[in-house]
Amino acid sequence: MFESLKLPDGFEIRFEPLDTSLRAAERGSLELEAERRLVETAFADGVTLRHRADGSPVADGLGKEISVTHCKDYIAVAAYGDRRFGIDLEHLRTRALQTVATRFLSPREKRIYTTPFDWLIAWTMKEAIYKAVGIVGLGYAESIYLPRKRTSPAIAEVRTKDVTRRFKLYFGREDDLALTVALPID
């Protein structure tokens, strides 16, 4: 999946299908089990999964940071470097995105990201950045600034009263599925 996405050397990502026939209540524990299994078997022997206080994953014994995402039919785990980063994978759900776009896009971004596929890419960008920056409760529209250009890679920023951080975004889509990777620059 996403073979055409040009990621940096050393970036590893693994995808595993999920059972789409299960109800949401049944999926939660199976997604956690799939996450654990994928982390502990995909990259190296002797790796164990745990989570930080903010819920972000850590792969003890790997020597790299990891990020995890899942959508209705896939889970993805990525490993790279020694700095926290984020990934997000989502299917196009036009009605849901249309409903929330007004809340997660800034006024400037609403003028740039105007179609359902634009909203999908913008959503995965913001989700990946949120995971990468690790600030619980960060405002998507107020603090995460997406790029004007919609070609990968691109640069985005997080700005709060205490923090300014930049991220290089790698993003793409296959059919109705979008993937974004957010790597810290500074």
N, C-alpha and C. Protein backbone atom coordinates (compact mmCIF):
# COMPACT_ATOMS: atom_id res chain seq x y z
N MET A 1 0.84 -1.19 0.00
CA MET A 1 0.00 0.00 0.00
C MET A 1 0.88 1.24 0.00
N PHE A 2 0.43 2.25 -0.67
CA PHE A 2 1.08 3.54 -0.72
C PHE A 2 2.55 3.45 -1.15
N GLU A 3 2.84 2.54 -2.08
CA GLU A 3 4.21 2.39 -2.57
C GLU A 3 4.71 3.66 -3.27
N SER A 4 3.80 4.44 -3.83
CA SER A 4 4.21 5.65 -4.55
C SER A 4 4.57 6.80 -3.61
N LEU A 5 4.26 6.68 -2.33
CA LEU A 5 4.58 7.73 -1.37
C LEU A 5 6.08 7.68 -1.08
N LYS A 6 6.77 8.76 -1.38
CA LYS A 6 8.22 8.83 -1.21
C LYS A 6 8.54 9.21 0.24
N LEU A 7 8.89 8.22 1.04
CA LEU A 7 9.21 8.45 2.44
C LEU A 7 10.73 8.45 2.64
N PRO A 8 11.23 9.04 3.72
CA PRO A 8 12.68 9.11 3.94
C PRO A 8 13.29 7.71 4.11
N ASP A 9 14.58 7.62 3.81
CA ASP A 9 15.29 6.37 4.03
C ASP A 9 15.18 5.97 5.50
N GLY A 10 15.00 4.71 5.74
CA GLY A 10 14.90 4.19 7.10
C GLY A 10 13.50 4.19 7.66
N PHE A 11 12.54 4.81 6.97
CA PHE A 11 11.16 4.83 7.45
C PHE A 11 10.52 3.49 7.11
N GLU A 12 9.96 2.85 8.12
CA GLU A 12 9.31 1.55 7.92
C GLU A 12 7.84 1.66 8.29
N ILE A 13 6.99 1.08 7.46
CA ILE A 13 5.56 1.06 7.76
C ILE A 13 5.00 -0.30 7.37
N ARG A 14 4.13 -0.82 8.23
CA ARG A 14 3.49 -2.11 7.99
C ARG A 14 1.98 -1.93 8.11
N PHE A 15 1.26 -2.59 7.23
CA PHE A 15 -0.20 -2.57 7.23
C PHE A 15 -0.71 -3.98 7.50
N GLU A 16 -1.82 -4.06 8.21
CA GLU A 16 -2.48 -5.35 8.43
C GLU A 16 -3.99 -5.13 8.29
N PRO A 17 -4.66 -6.01 7.55
CA PRO A 17 -6.12 -5.85 7.42
C PRO A 17 -6.82 -6.17 8.75
N LEU A 18 -7.95 -5.52 8.96
CA LEU A 18 -8.79 -5.77 10.14
C LEU A 18 -10.10 -6.40 9.68
N ASP A 19 -10.72 -7.14 10.56
CA ASP A 19 -12.01 -7.79 10.26
C ASP A 19 -13.11 -6.74 10.28
N THR A 20 -13.68 -6.46 9.12
CA THR A 20 -14.70 -5.42 9.01
C THR A 20 -16.10 -5.91 9.36
N SER A 21 -16.25 -7.21 9.63
CA SER A 21 -17.58 -7.73 9.93
C SER A 21 -17.98 -7.53 11.39
N LEU A 22 -17.05 -7.12 12.23
CA LEU A 22 -17.33 -6.98 13.66
C LEU A 22 -18.00 -5.65 13.98
N ARG A 23 -18.81 -5.66 15.03
CA ARG A 23 -19.41 -4.42 15.54
C ARG A 23 -18.34 -3.59 16.23
N ALA A 24 -18.59 -2.32 16.38
CA ALA A 24 -17.62 -1.41 16.97
C ALA A 24 -17.19 -1.87 18.36
N ALA A 25 -18.12 -2.36 19.17
CA ALA A 25 -17.80 -2.80 20.53
C ALA A 25 -16.82 -3.98 20.52
N GLU A 26 -16.91 -4.82 19.52
CA GLU A 26 -16.02 -5.97 19.43
C GLU A 26 -14.66 -5.60 18.85
N ARG A 27 -14.63 -4.54 18.07
CA ARG A 27 -13.41 -4.18 17.35
C ARG A 27 -12.32 -3.63 18.26
N GLY A 28 -12.68 -2.90 19.32
CA GLY A 28 -11.70 -2.24 20.16
C GLY A 28 -10.60 -3.15 20.68
N SER A 29 -10.98 -4.24 21.32
CA SER A 29 -9.96 -5.14 21.88
C SER A 29 -9.19 -5.85 20.78
N LEU A 30 -9.85 -6.14 19.65
CA LEU A 30 -9.15 -6.79 18.54
C LEU A 30 -8.16 -5.83 17.88
N GLU A 31 -8.50 -4.55 17.81
CA GLU A 31 -7.56 -3.56 17.26
C GLU A 31 -6.34 -3.43 18.15
N LEU A 32 -6.54 -3.42 19.47
CA LEU A 32 -5.40 -3.36 20.39
C LEU A 32 -4.52 -4.59 20.27
N GLU A 33 -5.13 -5.75 20.12
CA GLU A 33 -4.37 -6.98 19.95
C GLU A 33 -3.61 -6.97 18.62
N ALA A 34 -4.24 -6.50 17.56
CA ALA A 34 -3.57 -6.40 16.26
C ALA A 34 -2.40 -5.41 16.33
N GLU A 35 -2.61 -4.31 17.03
CA GLU A 35 -1.54 -3.32 17.22
C GLU A 35 -0.35 -3.96 17.94
N ARG A 36 -0.62 -4.65 19.04
CA ARG A 36 0.45 -5.29 19.81
C ARG A 36 1.18 -6.32 18.95
N ARG A 37 0.42 -7.17 18.27
CA ARG A 37 1.02 -8.22 17.44
C ARG A 37 1.87 -7.62 16.32
N LEU A 38 1.36 -6.60 15.67
CA LEU A 38 2.09 -5.98 14.57
C LEU A 38 3.37 -5.32 15.06
N VAL A 39 3.31 -4.58 16.16
CA VAL A 39 4.51 -3.93 16.71
C VAL A 39 5.53 -4.97 17.14
N GLU A 40 5.07 -6.02 17.81
CA GLU A 40 6.00 -6.99 18.39
C GLU A 40 6.56 -7.99 17.38
N THR A 41 6.00 -8.04 16.16
CA THR A 41 6.51 -9.00 15.17
C THR A 41 7.04 -8.35 13.90
N ALA A 42 6.67 -7.14 13.60
CA ALA A 42 6.99 -6.55 12.29
C ALA A 42 8.40 -6.03 12.17
N PHE A 43 8.99 -5.53 13.23
CA PHE A 43 10.25 -4.80 13.09
C PHE A 43 11.47 -5.53 13.65
N ALA A 44 11.34 -6.21 14.77
CA ALA A 44 12.49 -6.88 15.37
C ALA A 44 12.02 -7.83 16.46
N ASP A 45 12.83 -8.83 16.77
CA ASP A 45 12.52 -9.74 17.87
C ASP A 45 12.74 -9.04 19.20
N GLY A 46 11.99 -9.43 20.21
CA GLY A 46 12.17 -8.90 21.55
C GLY A 46 11.57 -7.54 21.79
N VAL A 47 10.72 -7.06 20.89
CA VAL A 47 10.07 -5.76 21.04
C VAL A 47 8.76 -5.95 21.80
N THR A 48 8.51 -5.06 22.75
CA THR A 48 7.24 -5.09 23.47
C THR A 48 6.58 -3.72 23.38
N LEU A 49 5.27 -3.75 23.30
CA LEU A 49 4.48 -2.52 23.17
C LEU A 49 3.99 -2.06 24.53
N ARG A 50 4.11 -0.76 24.77
CA ARG A 50 3.49 -0.11 25.92
C ARG A 50 3.01 1.25 25.46
N HIS A 51 2.35 1.99 26.34
CA HIS A 51 1.83 3.31 25.97
C HIS A 51 2.26 4.34 27.00
N ARG A 52 2.57 5.54 26.52
CA ARG A 52 2.88 6.67 27.39
C ARG A 52 1.60 7.10 28.11
N ALA A 53 1.75 8.01 29.06
CA ALA A 53 0.61 8.52 29.82
C ALA A 53 -0.42 9.18 28.90
N ASP A 54 0.04 9.77 27.78
CA ASP A 54 -0.90 10.42 26.85
C ASP A 54 -1.53 9.43 25.87
N GLY A 55 -1.20 8.14 25.99
CA GLY A 55 -1.78 7.12 25.13
C GLY A 55 -0.96 6.77 23.90
N SER A 56 0.09 7.52 23.63
CA SER A 56 0.91 7.24 22.44
C SER A 56 1.75 5.98 22.65
N PRO A 57 1.99 5.23 21.57
CA PRO A 57 2.68 3.94 21.69
C PRO A 57 4.19 4.09 21.77
N VAL A 58 4.81 3.13 22.46
CA VAL A 58 6.27 3.01 22.57
C VAL A 58 6.60 1.54 22.34
N ALA A 59 7.64 1.30 21.55
CA ALA A 59 8.09 -0.07 21.28
C ALA A 59 9.41 -0.29 22.02
N ASP A 60 9.32 -0.83 23.24
CA ASP A 60 10.53 -1.09 24.01
C ASP A 60 11.36 -2.15 23.30
N GLY A 61 12.66 -1.90 23.19
CA GLY A 61 13.56 -2.84 22.56
C GLY A 61 13.77 -2.59 21.08
N LEU A 62 13.08 -1.62 20.50
CA LEU A 62 13.21 -1.36 19.07
C LEU A 62 14.30 -0.33 18.77
N GLY A 63 14.45 0.65 19.65
CA GLY A 63 15.44 1.69 19.41
C GLY A 63 14.98 2.74 18.42
N LYS A 64 13.69 2.77 18.11
CA LYS A 64 13.11 3.76 17.22
C LYS A 64 11.77 4.19 17.81
N GLU A 65 11.33 5.37 17.41
CA GLU A 65 9.97 5.80 17.75
C GLU A 65 8.99 5.06 16.85
N ILE A 66 7.75 4.91 17.32
CA ILE A 66 6.70 4.32 16.49
C ILE A 66 5.45 5.20 16.54
N SER A 67 4.61 5.00 15.56
CA SER A 67 3.28 5.62 15.53
C SER A 67 2.31 4.59 14.97
N VAL A 68 1.08 4.64 15.45
CA VAL A 68 0.07 3.65 15.07
C VAL A 68 -1.18 4.38 14.62
N THR A 69 -1.85 3.82 13.63
CA THR A 69 -3.14 4.34 13.19
C THR A 69 -4.00 3.18 12.72
N HIS A 70 -5.30 3.39 12.78
CA HIS A 70 -6.20 2.39 12.19
C HIS A 70 -7.44 3.07 11.67
N CYS A 71 -8.01 2.43 10.68
CA CYS A 71 -9.29 2.86 10.12
C CYS A 71 -10.17 1.62 10.12
N LYS A 72 -11.30 1.66 9.44
CA LYS A 72 -12.26 0.55 9.56
C LYS A 72 -11.71 -0.80 9.12
N ASP A 73 -10.76 -0.83 8.18
CA ASP A 73 -10.31 -2.13 7.68
C ASP A 73 -8.80 -2.34 7.68
N TYR A 74 -8.03 -1.38 8.23
CA TYR A 74 -6.58 -1.55 8.30
C TYR A 74 -6.04 -1.00 9.60
N ILE A 75 -4.93 -1.58 10.03
CA ILE A 75 -4.10 -0.99 11.07
C ILE A 75 -2.73 -0.79 10.43
N ALA A 76 -2.08 0.30 10.76
CA ALA A 76 -0.74 0.58 10.26
C ALA A 76 0.15 0.97 11.43
N VAL A 77 1.38 0.45 11.40
CA VAL A 77 2.38 0.78 12.40
C VAL A 77 3.63 1.23 11.65
N ALA A 78 4.21 2.34 12.08
CA ALA A 78 5.42 2.86 11.45
C ALA A 78 6.50 3.03 12.50
N ALA A 79 7.75 2.86 12.07
CA ALA A 79 8.91 3.04 12.93
C ALA A 79 9.92 3.92 12.21
N TYR A 80 10.51 4.87 12.99
CA TYR A 80 11.48 5.76 12.37
C TYR A 80 12.21 6.57 13.43
N GLY A 81 13.49 6.66 13.33
CA GLY A 81 14.33 7.57 14.10
C GLY A 81 14.11 7.56 15.60
N ASP A 82 14.57 8.64 16.23
CA ASP A 82 14.50 8.73 17.69
C ASP A 82 13.65 9.90 18.17
N ARG A 83 12.90 10.52 17.24
CA ARG A 83 12.02 11.63 17.62
C ARG A 83 10.58 11.26 17.32
N ARG A 84 9.71 11.67 18.21
CA ARG A 84 8.29 11.37 18.07
C ARG A 84 7.75 11.88 16.74
N PHE A 85 6.95 11.07 16.06
CA PHE A 85 6.33 11.43 14.79
C PHE A 85 4.91 10.88 14.79
N GLY A 86 4.16 11.17 13.74
CA GLY A 86 2.78 10.68 13.70
C GLY A 86 2.40 10.18 12.32
N ILE A 87 1.47 9.22 12.29
CA ILE A 87 0.87 8.76 11.04
C ILE A 87 -0.64 8.72 11.23
N ASP A 88 -1.36 8.90 10.13
CA ASP A 88 -2.81 8.74 10.17
C ASP A 88 -3.29 8.17 8.85
N LEU A 89 -4.24 7.27 8.94
CA LEU A 89 -4.82 6.56 7.81
C LEU A 89 -6.33 6.63 7.94
N GLU A 90 -7.01 7.13 6.92
CA GLU A 90 -8.46 7.28 6.99
C GLU A 90 -9.11 7.03 5.64
N HIS A 91 -10.35 6.56 5.69
CA HIS A 91 -11.19 6.43 4.50
C HIS A 91 -11.99 7.72 4.32
N LEU A 92 -12.34 8.01 3.08
CA LEU A 92 -13.21 9.14 2.79
C LEU A 92 -14.61 8.84 3.32
N ARG A 93 -15.09 9.73 4.16
CA ARG A 93 -16.47 9.70 4.65
C ARG A 93 -16.99 11.12 4.51
N THR A 94 -17.52 11.40 3.34
CA THR A 94 -17.85 12.77 2.96
C THR A 94 -18.74 13.46 3.98
N ARG A 95 -19.82 12.84 4.37
CA ARG A 95 -20.76 13.49 5.29
C ARG A 95 -20.08 13.80 6.64
N ALA A 96 -19.33 12.86 7.18
CA ALA A 96 -18.66 13.09 8.47
C ALA A 96 -17.62 14.20 8.35
N LEU A 97 -16.83 14.18 7.27
CA LEU A 97 -15.82 15.22 7.07
C LEU A 97 -16.45 16.59 6.88
N GLN A 98 -17.54 16.64 6.13
CA GLN A 98 -18.23 17.91 5.90
C GLN A 98 -18.72 18.49 7.23
N THR A 99 -19.19 17.63 8.10
CA THR A 99 -19.69 18.07 9.40
C THR A 99 -18.58 18.64 10.27
N VAL A 100 -17.41 17.98 10.30
CA VAL A 100 -16.34 18.42 11.20
C VAL A 100 -15.35 19.39 10.56
N ALA A 101 -15.35 19.52 9.25
CA ALA A 101 -14.38 20.41 8.58
C ALA A 101 -14.43 21.83 9.13
N THR A 102 -15.61 22.30 9.45
CA THR A 102 -15.74 23.67 9.97
C THR A 102 -15.07 23.82 11.33
N ARG A 103 -14.90 22.70 12.04
CA ARG A 103 -14.27 22.76 13.37
C ARG A 103 -12.77 22.51 13.34
N PHE A 104 -12.25 21.75 12.36
CA PHE A 104 -10.82 21.45 12.38
C PHE A 104 -10.00 22.28 11.39
N LEU A 105 -10.65 22.99 10.49
CA LEU A 105 -9.94 23.86 9.56
C LEU A 105 -10.04 25.32 9.99
N SER A 106 -8.95 26.04 9.85
CA SER A 106 -8.97 27.48 10.12
C SER A 106 -9.68 28.19 8.96
N PRO A 107 -10.05 29.46 9.11
CA PRO A 107 -10.66 30.18 7.99
C PRO A 107 -9.78 30.16 6.72
N ARG A 108 -8.47 30.34 6.86
CA ARG A 108 -7.56 30.28 5.70
C ARG A 108 -7.59 28.90 5.07
N GLU A 109 -7.54 27.87 5.88
CA GLU A 109 -7.53 26.49 5.37
C GLU A 109 -8.84 26.14 4.67
N LYS A 110 -9.95 26.70 5.13
CA LYS A 110 -11.24 26.44 4.48
C LYS A 110 -11.25 26.95 3.04
N ARG A 111 -10.46 28.00 2.76
CA ARG A 111 -10.36 28.51 1.40
C ARG A 111 -9.43 27.66 0.52
N ILE A 112 -8.51 26.93 1.13
CA ILE A 112 -7.54 26.11 0.40
C ILE A 112 -8.06 24.68 0.21
N TYR A 113 -8.61 24.12 1.27
CA TYR A 113 -9.07 22.72 1.27
C TYR A 113 -10.59 22.74 1.11
N THR A 114 -11.06 22.53 -0.12
CA THR A 114 -12.47 22.80 -0.43
C THR A 114 -13.30 21.59 -0.87
N THR A 115 -12.66 20.49 -1.19
CA THR A 115 -13.40 19.32 -1.67
C THR A 115 -13.36 18.21 -0.63
N PRO A 116 -14.21 17.20 -0.73
CA PRO A 116 -14.15 16.09 0.22
C PRO A 116 -12.77 15.42 0.30
N PHE A 117 -12.09 15.24 -0.83
CA PHE A 117 -10.75 14.65 -0.76
C PHE A 117 -9.75 15.61 -0.13
N ASP A 118 -9.90 16.91 -0.34
CA ASP A 118 -9.07 17.89 0.35
C ASP A 118 -9.27 17.78 1.86
N TRP A 119 -10.54 17.69 2.27
CA TRP A 119 -10.83 17.58 3.71
C TRP A 119 -10.21 16.31 4.28
N LEU A 120 -10.26 15.23 3.52
CA LEU A 120 -9.67 13.97 3.97
C LEU A 120 -8.17 14.12 4.18
N ILE A 121 -7.47 14.68 3.22
CA ILE A 121 -6.03 14.90 3.37
C ILE A 121 -5.75 15.84 4.54
N ALA A 122 -6.52 16.93 4.64
CA ALA A 122 -6.33 17.88 5.74
C ALA A 122 -6.55 17.21 7.09
N TRP A 123 -7.57 16.37 7.20
CA TRP A 123 -7.84 15.66 8.45
C TRP A 123 -6.68 14.74 8.82
N THR A 124 -6.18 13.96 7.84
CA THR A 124 -5.07 13.05 8.17
C THR A 124 -3.81 13.84 8.51
N MET A 125 -3.61 15.00 7.87
CA MET A 125 -2.47 15.84 8.23
C MET A 125 -2.56 16.28 9.69
N LYS A 126 -3.72 16.79 10.05
CA LYS A 126 -3.89 17.30 11.42
C LYS A 126 -3.78 16.18 12.45
N GLU A 127 -4.35 15.03 12.16
CA GLU A 127 -4.25 13.89 13.07
C GLU A 127 -2.79 13.43 13.23
N ALA A 128 -2.06 13.32 12.12
CA ALA A 128 -0.66 12.90 12.19
C ALA A 128 0.19 13.90 12.98
N ILE A 129 -0.05 15.20 12.75
CA ILE A 129 0.67 16.24 13.48
C ILE A 129 0.34 16.18 14.96
N TYR A 130 -0.94 16.01 15.29
CA TYR A 130 -1.37 15.92 16.69
C TYR A 130 -0.62 14.79 17.40
N LYS A 131 -0.52 13.64 16.74
CA LYS A 131 0.21 12.50 17.32
C LYS A 131 1.70 12.84 17.48
N ALA A 132 2.25 13.53 16.49
CA ALA A 132 3.68 13.84 16.51
C ALA A 132 4.05 14.86 17.59
N VAL A 133 3.20 15.84 17.79
CA VAL A 133 3.56 16.92 18.72
C VAL A 133 3.33 16.51 20.17
N GLY A 134 2.35 15.65 20.43
CA GLY A 134 2.14 15.12 21.78
C GLY A 134 1.62 16.11 22.80
N ILE A 135 0.87 17.10 22.38
CA ILE A 135 0.27 18.06 23.31
C ILE A 135 -1.21 17.72 23.43
N VAL A 136 -1.60 17.17 24.55
CA VAL A 136 -2.99 16.77 24.77
C VAL A 136 -3.88 18.01 24.73
N GLY A 137 -4.97 17.92 23.99
CA GLY A 137 -5.93 19.01 23.91
C GLY A 137 -5.57 20.11 22.92
N LEU A 138 -4.56 19.91 22.11
CA LEU A 138 -4.16 20.91 21.12
C LEU A 138 -5.32 21.21 20.18
N GLY A 139 -5.59 22.47 19.94
CA GLY A 139 -6.68 22.87 19.05
C GLY A 139 -6.29 22.69 17.59
N TYR A 140 -7.06 21.91 16.87
CA TYR A 140 -6.75 21.63 15.46
C TYR A 140 -6.82 22.88 14.60
N ALA A 141 -7.88 23.66 14.72
CA ALA A 141 -8.06 24.84 13.87
C ALA A 141 -7.20 26.00 14.34
N GLU A 142 -6.99 26.12 15.65
CA GLU A 142 -6.29 27.27 16.21
C GLU A 142 -4.78 27.12 16.26
N SER A 143 -4.27 25.88 16.33
CA SER A 143 -2.84 25.69 16.60
C SER A 143 -2.07 24.91 15.54
N ILE A 144 -2.75 24.17 14.69
CA ILE A 144 -2.08 23.40 13.64
C ILE A 144 -2.31 24.11 12.31
N TYR A 145 -1.23 24.57 11.70
CA TYR A 145 -1.29 25.35 10.47
C TYR A 145 -0.83 24.50 9.29
N LEU A 146 -1.75 24.19 8.40
CA LEU A 146 -1.46 23.34 7.25
C LEU A 146 -0.81 24.13 6.13
N PRO A 147 -0.12 23.41 5.23
CA PRO A 147 0.55 24.09 4.12
C PRO A 147 -0.44 24.64 3.10
N ARG A 148 0.00 25.67 2.39
CA ARG A 148 -0.80 26.22 1.29
C ARG A 148 -0.77 25.27 0.10
N LYS A 149 0.39 24.64 -0.12
CA LYS A 149 0.47 23.73 -1.25
C LYS A 149 -0.02 22.35 -0.83
N ARG A 150 -0.67 21.69 -1.78
CA ARG A 150 -1.25 20.39 -1.48
C ARG A 150 -0.51 19.28 -2.21
N THR A 151 0.82 19.43 -2.32
CA THR A 151 1.63 18.38 -2.91
C THR A 151 2.63 17.89 -1.88
N SER A 152 2.87 16.60 -1.89
CA SER A 152 3.75 15.96 -0.92
C SER A 152 5.18 15.94 -1.44
N PRO A 153 6.16 16.22 -0.57
CA PRO A 153 6.04 16.62 0.83
C PRO A 153 5.76 18.12 0.97
N ALA A 154 5.30 18.50 2.14
CA ALA A 154 4.99 19.89 2.45
C ALA A 154 5.33 20.16 3.91
N ILE A 155 5.34 21.41 4.28
CA ILE A 155 5.70 21.82 5.65
C ILE A 155 4.46 22.37 6.35
N ALA A 156 4.25 21.93 7.60
CA ALA A 156 3.17 22.45 8.45
C ALA A 156 3.78 22.90 9.77
N GLU A 157 2.99 23.65 10.53
CA GLU A 157 3.47 24.18 11.80
C GLU A 157 2.46 24.02 12.90
N VAL A 158 2.97 23.87 14.11
CA VAL A 158 2.16 23.94 15.32
C VAL A 158 2.62 25.19 16.06
N ARG A 159 1.65 26.04 16.41
CA ARG A 159 1.97 27.26 17.14
C ARG A 159 1.02 27.39 18.32
N THR A 160 1.59 27.45 19.50
CA THR A 160 0.85 27.76 20.72
C THR A 160 1.61 28.88 21.42
N LYS A 161 1.11 29.32 22.56
CA LYS A 161 1.83 30.38 23.27
C LYS A 161 3.17 29.89 23.80
N ASP A 162 3.33 28.57 23.98
CA ASP A 162 4.56 28.02 24.53
C ASP A 162 5.44 27.29 23.50
N VAL A 163 4.88 26.91 22.37
CA VAL A 163 5.58 26.02 21.44
C VAL A 163 5.38 26.48 20.00
N THR A 164 6.46 26.41 19.23
CA THR A 164 6.37 26.50 17.77
C THR A 164 7.22 25.35 17.23
N ARG A 165 6.57 24.47 16.47
CA ARG A 165 7.28 23.31 15.89
C ARG A 165 6.85 23.15 14.45
N ARG A 166 7.81 22.71 13.63
CA ARG A 166 7.52 22.48 12.21
C ARG A 166 7.61 20.98 11.91
N PHE A 167 6.79 20.57 10.93
CA PHE A 167 6.73 19.15 10.53
C PHE A 167 6.76 19.04 9.02
N LYS A 168 7.48 18.05 8.56
CA LYS A 168 7.44 17.72 7.13
C LYS A 168 6.38 16.65 6.96
N LEU A 169 5.45 16.92 6.05
CA LEU A 169 4.31 16.02 5.82
C LEU A 169 4.49 15.27 4.51
N TYR A 170 4.34 13.97 4.58
CA TYR A 170 4.30 13.11 3.41
C TYR A 170 2.89 12.56 3.35
N PHE A 171 2.21 12.75 2.24
CA PHE A 171 0.81 12.33 2.19
C PHE A 171 0.43 11.87 0.79
N GLY A 172 -0.59 11.04 0.77
CA GLY A 172 -1.10 10.55 -0.50
C GLY A 172 -2.40 9.83 -0.29
N ARG A 173 -2.99 9.42 -1.41
CA ARG A 173 -4.24 8.66 -1.30
C ARG A 173 -4.25 7.56 -2.34
N GLU A 174 -4.95 6.52 -1.99
CA GLU A 174 -5.22 5.41 -2.90
C GLU A 174 -6.72 5.16 -2.82
N ASP A 175 -7.39 5.34 -3.93
CA ASP A 175 -8.84 5.23 -3.98
C ASP A 175 -9.44 6.16 -2.94
N ASP A 176 -10.19 5.63 -1.96
CA ASP A 176 -10.82 6.49 -0.95
C ASP A 176 -10.05 6.49 0.37
N LEU A 177 -8.80 6.05 0.34
CA LEU A 177 -7.97 5.94 1.54
C LEU A 177 -6.84 6.96 1.47
N ALA A 178 -6.62 7.69 2.57
CA ALA A 178 -5.53 8.67 2.63
C ALA A 178 -4.59 8.34 3.78
N LEU A 179 -3.32 8.60 3.55
CA LEU A 179 -2.28 8.38 4.57
C LEU A 179 -1.43 9.64 4.66
N THR A 180 -1.14 10.07 5.89
CA THR A 180 -0.19 11.16 6.13
C THR A 180 0.80 10.73 7.18
N VAL A 181 2.07 11.10 6.94
CA VAL A 181 3.16 10.93 7.89
C VAL A 181 3.67 12.32 8.25
N ALA A 182 3.79 12.62 9.54
CA ALA A 182 4.30 13.92 10.01
C ALA A 182 5.61 13.69 10.77
N LEU A 183 6.71 14.20 10.20
CA LEU A 183 8.02 14.07 10.83
C LEU A 183 8.50 15.42 11.33
N PRO A 184 9.04 15.48 12.54
CA PRO A 184 9.51 16.77 13.08
C PRO A 184 10.71 17.29 12.30
N ILE A 185 10.73 18.61 12.11
CA ILE A 185 11.87 19.25 11.42
C ILE A 185 12.81 19.87 12.44
N ASP A 186 12.26 20.57 13.41
CA ASP A 186 13.10 21.26 14.39
C ASP A 186 12.70 20.90 15.79
